[in-house]
N, C-alpha and C. Protein backbone atom coordinates (compact mmCIF):
# COMPACT_ATOMS: atom_id res chain seq x y z
N MET A 1 0.83 -1.35 0.03
CA MET A 1 0.07 -0.11 0.00
C MET A 1 0.97 1.55 -0.33
N PRO A 2 0.55 2.15 -0.92
CA PRO A 2 1.51 3.16 -1.01
C PRO A 2 1.24 4.35 0.25
N ALA A 3 2.20 5.24 0.39
CA ALA A 3 1.94 6.04 1.51
C ALA A 3 1.12 7.12 1.10
N THR A 4 0.26 7.65 2.37
CA THR A 4 -0.58 8.79 1.64
C THR A 4 -0.02 9.87 2.40
N VAL A 5 0.03 10.96 1.77
CA VAL A 5 0.79 12.35 2.23
C VAL A 5 -0.13 13.52 1.93
N ILE A 6 -0.55 14.15 2.95
CA ILE A 6 -1.13 15.63 2.89
C ILE A 6 -0.09 16.74 3.15
N HIS A 7 0.00 17.42 2.32
CA HIS A 7 1.24 18.79 2.48
C HIS A 7 0.81 19.67 3.36
N ASP A 8 -0.37 19.96 3.01
CA ASP A 8 -1.26 21.15 3.66
C ASP A 8 -2.49 21.07 4.17
N LEU A 9 -2.75 20.83 5.57
CA LEU A 9 -3.96 20.54 5.85
C LEU A 9 -4.89 21.67 5.83
N VAL A 10 -4.41 22.60 6.25
CA VAL A 10 -5.52 23.83 6.23
C VAL A 10 -5.73 24.21 4.87
N ALA A 11 -5.01 23.79 3.66
CA ALA A 11 -5.37 24.13 2.29
C ALA A 11 -6.80 22.86 1.73
N GLU A 12 -6.16 21.56 2.48
CA GLU A 12 -7.32 20.41 2.31
C GLU A 12 -8.65 20.92 2.82
N LEU A 13 -8.55 21.49 4.02
CA LEU A 13 -9.82 22.09 4.80
C LEU A 13 -10.19 23.43 4.89
N PRO A 14 -10.48 23.96 4.09
CA PRO A 14 -10.98 25.59 3.66
C PRO A 14 -12.11 25.60 4.73
N VAL A 15 -11.96 26.50 5.34
CA VAL A 15 -13.08 27.16 6.36
C VAL A 15 -14.31 27.82 5.59
N PRO A 16 -15.30 27.24 5.76
CA PRO A 16 -16.23 27.63 5.25
C PRO A 16 -16.77 29.39 5.90
N GLU A 17 -17.58 30.21 4.99
CA GLU A 17 -17.94 31.47 5.75
C GLU A 17 -18.87 31.03 7.03
N ASP A 18 -19.98 30.27 6.93
CA ASP A 18 -20.64 29.68 7.91
C ASP A 18 -20.82 28.38 8.05
N GLY A 19 -21.05 27.34 8.92
CA GLY A 19 -21.35 25.80 8.72
C GLY A 19 -19.59 25.47 9.37
N THR A 20 -19.94 24.03 9.11
CA THR A 20 -18.92 23.21 9.48
C THR A 20 -18.81 22.32 8.08
N LEU A 21 -17.14 22.18 7.79
CA LEU A 21 -16.90 21.11 6.76
C LEU A 21 -16.37 19.98 7.24
N SER A 22 -16.87 18.90 7.09
CA SER A 22 -15.89 17.61 7.39
C SER A 22 -15.71 16.74 6.30
N ARG A 23 -14.23 16.28 6.20
CA ARG A 23 -13.96 15.29 4.92
C ARG A 23 -13.09 14.34 5.47
N VAL A 24 -13.58 13.09 5.31
CA VAL A 24 -12.62 11.99 5.38
C VAL A 24 -11.51 11.71 4.86
N LEU A 25 -10.22 12.04 5.69
CA LEU A 25 -8.67 12.37 4.90
C LEU A 25 -8.17 10.91 4.64
N TYR A 26 -8.38 10.11 5.61
CA TYR A 26 -7.63 8.57 5.26
C TYR A 26 -8.78 7.46 6.12
N ARG A 27 -8.69 6.47 5.67
CA ARG A 27 -9.60 5.50 6.13
C ARG A 27 -8.68 4.16 5.43
N ASP A 28 -8.82 3.26 6.35
CA ASP A 28 -8.39 1.82 6.04
C ASP A 28 -9.40 0.88 7.05
N ASP A 29 -9.27 -0.44 7.12
CA ASP A 29 -9.90 -1.26 7.70
C ASP A 29 -9.82 -0.93 9.14
N ARG A 30 -8.83 -0.22 9.73
CA ARG A 30 -8.60 -0.07 11.19
C ARG A 30 -8.50 1.36 11.90
N LEU A 31 -8.45 2.28 10.97
CA LEU A 31 -8.52 3.69 11.10
C LEU A 31 -9.01 4.66 10.21
N ARG A 32 -9.57 5.81 11.00
CA ARG A 32 -10.33 6.89 10.27
C ARG A 32 -9.87 7.94 10.46
N VAL A 33 -9.26 8.88 9.82
CA VAL A 33 -9.20 10.22 10.20
C VAL A 33 -10.07 11.36 9.12
N VAL A 34 -10.53 12.02 10.14
CA VAL A 34 -11.49 13.33 9.43
C VAL A 34 -11.20 14.26 9.96
N GLY A 35 -11.07 15.06 8.94
CA GLY A 35 -10.93 16.61 8.95
C GLY A 35 -12.07 17.50 9.09
N PHE A 36 -11.97 18.52 10.14
CA PHE A 36 -13.17 19.65 9.99
C PHE A 36 -12.86 20.84 10.34
N ALA A 37 -13.42 21.98 9.50
CA ALA A 37 -13.27 23.23 9.61
C ALA A 37 -14.56 23.85 10.04
N PHE A 38 -14.41 24.66 10.87
CA PHE A 38 -15.43 25.33 11.42
C PHE A 38 -15.45 26.77 11.32
N ALA A 39 -16.34 27.21 11.08
CA ALA A 39 -16.66 28.89 10.89
C ALA A 39 -16.54 29.16 12.51
N GLU A 40 -16.25 30.28 13.00
CA GLU A 40 -16.55 31.06 14.01
C GLU A 40 -17.97 30.86 14.67
N GLY A 41 -17.93 30.29 16.06
CA GLY A 41 -19.14 30.13 16.43
C GLY A 41 -20.11 28.74 16.33
N GLU A 42 -19.49 28.08 15.19
CA GLU A 42 -19.90 26.58 14.89
C GLU A 42 -19.47 25.65 16.11
N GLU A 43 -20.86 24.84 16.46
CA GLU A 43 -20.46 23.86 17.18
C GLU A 43 -20.92 22.43 16.65
N LEU A 44 -19.99 21.51 17.18
CA LEU A 44 -20.53 19.89 17.25
C LEU A 44 -20.93 19.82 18.64
N THR A 45 -22.36 19.51 18.98
CA THR A 45 -23.36 19.69 20.28
C THR A 45 -22.53 18.11 21.04
N GLU A 46 -23.10 18.16 22.14
CA GLU A 46 -22.50 16.90 23.00
C GLU A 46 -23.07 15.68 22.22
N HIS A 47 -22.19 14.81 22.11
CA HIS A 47 -22.31 13.66 21.89
C HIS A 47 -20.94 12.50 21.93
N THR A 48 -21.21 11.07 21.88
CA THR A 48 -20.40 10.35 22.32
C THR A 48 -19.71 9.68 20.82
N SER A 49 -18.66 8.77 21.11
CA SER A 49 -18.09 7.99 20.18
C SER A 49 -18.03 6.21 20.53
N ALA A 50 -18.51 5.55 19.76
CA ALA A 50 -18.21 4.27 20.36
C ALA A 50 -16.96 3.42 20.25
N LEU A 51 -15.92 4.74 19.32
CA LEU A 51 -14.57 4.17 19.71
C LEU A 51 -13.46 5.05 20.47
N PRO A 52 -12.74 4.94 20.70
CA PRO A 52 -11.64 5.87 21.44
C PRO A 52 -11.30 6.94 20.41
N VAL A 53 -11.11 8.25 20.62
CA VAL A 53 -10.70 9.27 19.20
C VAL A 53 -9.56 10.06 19.70
N VAL A 54 -8.65 10.61 18.98
CA VAL A 54 -7.64 11.88 19.36
C VAL A 54 -8.23 13.00 18.59
N ILE A 55 -8.19 14.11 19.10
CA ILE A 55 -8.72 15.30 18.26
C ILE A 55 -7.16 16.16 18.55
N GLN A 56 -6.74 16.77 17.61
CA GLN A 56 -5.68 17.51 17.18
C GLN A 56 -6.21 18.98 16.31
N VAL A 57 -5.78 20.00 17.30
CA VAL A 57 -6.11 21.38 16.50
C VAL A 57 -5.10 21.75 15.71
N ILE A 58 -5.23 21.91 14.43
CA ILE A 58 -4.56 22.38 13.44
C ILE A 58 -4.42 24.09 13.09
N LYS A 59 -5.49 24.58 13.16
CA LYS A 59 -5.67 25.98 13.20
C LYS A 59 -6.91 26.55 13.94
N GLY A 60 -6.53 27.78 14.49
CA GLY A 60 -7.68 28.22 15.03
C GLY A 60 -7.64 28.20 16.71
N ARG A 61 -8.77 28.43 17.47
CA ARG A 61 -9.18 28.12 18.88
C ARG A 61 -10.65 27.09 18.84
N LEU A 62 -10.44 26.33 19.66
CA LEU A 62 -11.85 25.61 20.33
C LEU A 62 -11.92 25.48 21.51
N GLU A 63 -13.34 25.69 21.79
CA GLU A 63 -13.59 25.15 23.18
C GLU A 63 -13.74 23.85 23.34
N LEU A 64 -13.28 23.11 24.11
CA LEU A 64 -13.59 21.63 24.17
C LEU A 64 -14.44 21.17 25.37
N VAL A 65 -15.59 20.45 25.74
CA VAL A 65 -15.96 20.15 26.50
C VAL A 65 -15.78 18.83 26.76
N LEU A 66 -14.95 18.10 27.52
CA LEU A 66 -14.47 16.65 27.56
C LEU A 66 -15.09 16.22 29.10
N GLY A 67 -16.03 15.59 28.73
CA GLY A 67 -16.94 14.99 30.17
C GLY A 67 -17.45 16.26 30.73
N GLU A 68 -16.83 16.18 31.91
CA GLU A 68 -17.05 17.54 32.97
C GLU A 68 -16.02 18.70 33.02
N GLU A 69 -15.08 18.54 32.02
CA GLU A 69 -13.66 19.16 31.91
C GLU A 69 -14.08 20.25 30.36
N LYS A 70 -13.86 21.55 30.59
CA LYS A 70 -13.85 22.42 29.55
C LYS A 70 -12.45 22.85 29.46
N THR A 71 -11.94 23.21 28.10
CA THR A 71 -10.47 23.61 27.83
C THR A 71 -10.54 24.66 26.68
N GLU A 72 -9.66 25.31 26.55
CA GLU A 72 -9.39 26.14 25.06
C GLU A 72 -8.43 25.31 24.58
N ALA A 73 -8.59 24.60 23.10
CA ALA A 73 -7.51 24.29 22.42
C ALA A 73 -7.54 25.10 21.19
N ARG A 74 -5.73 25.21 21.05
CA ARG A 74 -5.05 26.03 20.30
C ARG A 74 -4.05 25.02 19.16
N PRO A 75 -3.76 25.56 18.11
CA PRO A 75 -2.84 24.65 17.52
C PRO A 75 -1.74 24.20 18.13
N GLY A 76 -1.75 22.75 18.15
CA GLY A 76 -0.78 22.05 18.64
C GLY A 76 -1.49 21.25 19.65
N THR A 77 -2.82 21.36 20.21
CA THR A 77 -3.37 21.03 21.50
C THR A 77 -3.71 19.24 20.77
N TRP A 78 -3.63 18.46 21.68
CA TRP A 78 -3.73 17.25 21.38
C TRP A 78 -4.44 16.52 22.49
N ALA A 79 -5.59 15.85 22.07
CA ALA A 79 -6.57 15.32 23.40
C ALA A 79 -6.87 13.74 22.86
N HIS A 80 -6.71 13.10 24.01
CA HIS A 80 -7.38 11.73 23.62
C HIS A 80 -8.85 11.39 24.64
N LEU A 81 -9.54 10.68 23.96
CA LEU A 81 -10.94 10.81 24.39
C LEU A 81 -11.41 9.23 24.68
N PRO A 82 -11.42 8.82 25.61
CA PRO A 82 -12.17 7.12 25.77
C PRO A 82 -13.38 7.03 25.11
N ALA A 83 -13.76 6.12 24.52
CA ALA A 83 -14.85 5.76 24.08
C ALA A 83 -16.01 5.80 25.12
N ARG A 84 -17.17 6.60 24.75
CA ARG A 84 -18.25 7.13 25.25
C ARG A 84 -18.08 8.08 26.03
N LEU A 85 -16.97 9.04 25.93
CA LEU A 85 -17.17 10.06 26.65
C LEU A 85 -17.87 11.15 26.01
N PRO A 86 -18.63 11.62 26.45
CA PRO A 86 -19.54 12.82 26.11
C PRO A 86 -18.38 13.78 25.71
N HIS A 87 -18.67 14.82 24.55
CA HIS A 87 -17.93 15.40 24.40
C HIS A 87 -18.54 16.74 23.21
N THR A 88 -18.13 17.99 23.45
CA THR A 88 -18.55 19.34 22.58
C THR A 88 -17.49 19.64 22.07
N VAL A 89 -17.71 20.61 20.70
CA VAL A 89 -16.54 20.94 20.32
C VAL A 89 -17.22 22.26 19.82
N ARG A 90 -16.73 23.56 20.04
CA ARG A 90 -17.10 24.52 19.64
C ARG A 90 -15.93 25.64 19.13
N ALA A 91 -16.47 26.59 18.05
CA ALA A 91 -15.16 27.24 17.49
C ALA A 91 -15.43 28.58 18.10
N LEU A 92 -13.99 29.10 18.87
CA LEU A 92 -14.14 30.47 19.30
C LEU A 92 -13.87 31.30 17.89
N GLU A 93 -13.26 31.09 16.77
CA GLU A 93 -12.38 31.64 15.61
C GLU A 93 -12.38 30.44 14.56
N PRO A 94 -12.51 31.05 13.37
CA PRO A 94 -12.24 30.00 12.10
C PRO A 94 -11.32 28.79 12.63
N SER A 95 -11.57 27.51 12.50
CA SER A 95 -10.44 26.54 13.08
C SER A 95 -10.55 25.44 12.27
N VAL A 96 -9.31 24.70 12.11
CA VAL A 96 -9.33 23.54 11.59
C VAL A 96 -8.70 22.53 12.77
N MET A 97 -9.31 21.25 12.80
CA MET A 97 -9.17 20.06 13.35
C MET A 97 -9.10 18.88 12.72
N LEU A 98 -8.15 17.95 13.39
CA LEU A 98 -8.05 16.59 12.95
C LEU A 98 -8.96 15.45 14.01
N LEU A 99 -9.69 14.52 13.50
CA LEU A 99 -10.35 13.65 14.47
C LEU A 99 -9.83 12.47 13.72
N THR A 100 -9.35 11.69 14.82
CA THR A 100 -8.54 10.29 14.38
C THR A 100 -9.59 9.19 15.24
N MET A 101 -10.06 8.28 14.57
CA MET A 101 -10.84 7.44 15.50
C MET A 101 -9.96 6.05 15.61
N LEU A 102 -9.82 5.58 16.60
CA LEU A 102 -8.70 4.64 16.82
C LEU A 102 -9.62 3.29 16.73
N PRO A 103 -8.79 2.33 16.21
CA PRO A 103 -9.38 0.82 16.48
C PRO A 103 -10.03 0.40 17.54
N ALA A 104 -11.00 -0.05 17.55
CA ALA A 104 -11.43 -0.93 18.68
C ALA A 104 -10.43 -2.14 18.75
N PRO A 105 -10.31 -2.62 20.21
CA PRO A 105 -9.06 -3.72 20.44
C PRO A 105 -10.00 -4.86 19.91
N ARG A 106 -8.95 -5.73 19.19
CA ARG A 106 -9.57 -7.10 18.46
C ARG A 106 -9.68 -8.17 19.52
N SER A 107 -10.64 -8.88 19.52
CA SER A 107 -10.74 -9.98 20.57
C SER A 107 -9.49 -10.68 20.59
N ASP A 108 -8.60 -11.02 19.66
CA ASP A 108 -7.31 -11.55 20.00
C ASP A 108 -6.24 -10.91 20.77
N GLU A 109 -6.82 -9.56 21.20
CA GLU A 109 -5.63 -8.58 21.62
C GLU A 109 -6.02 -8.54 23.06
N GLY A 110 -6.81 -9.34 23.72
CA GLY A 110 -7.10 -9.22 24.93
C GLY A 110 -7.88 -8.14 25.58
């Protein structure tokens, strides 16, 4: 399988004037990476994921509510969320983030 390279994530995920853009950037049988671009004030309302996920902020500022914890995330922020943790994402300014859905443990991994 050849390597997958994205040289400019911000260019790949242009921030819309209003609304939210989401785009699957990579997918195989074990891993999925989704890029999100948010206009200021846009929000992913509280939800959970059946799988553990990692959030990485590429551009802008996001307010993350992770369970009971609220934090401001800036470029370079990295957050691991266990499966089923309630979370909310709100853009404090035009923002770009990556969401990596981690694989569920295989039954042979214990």
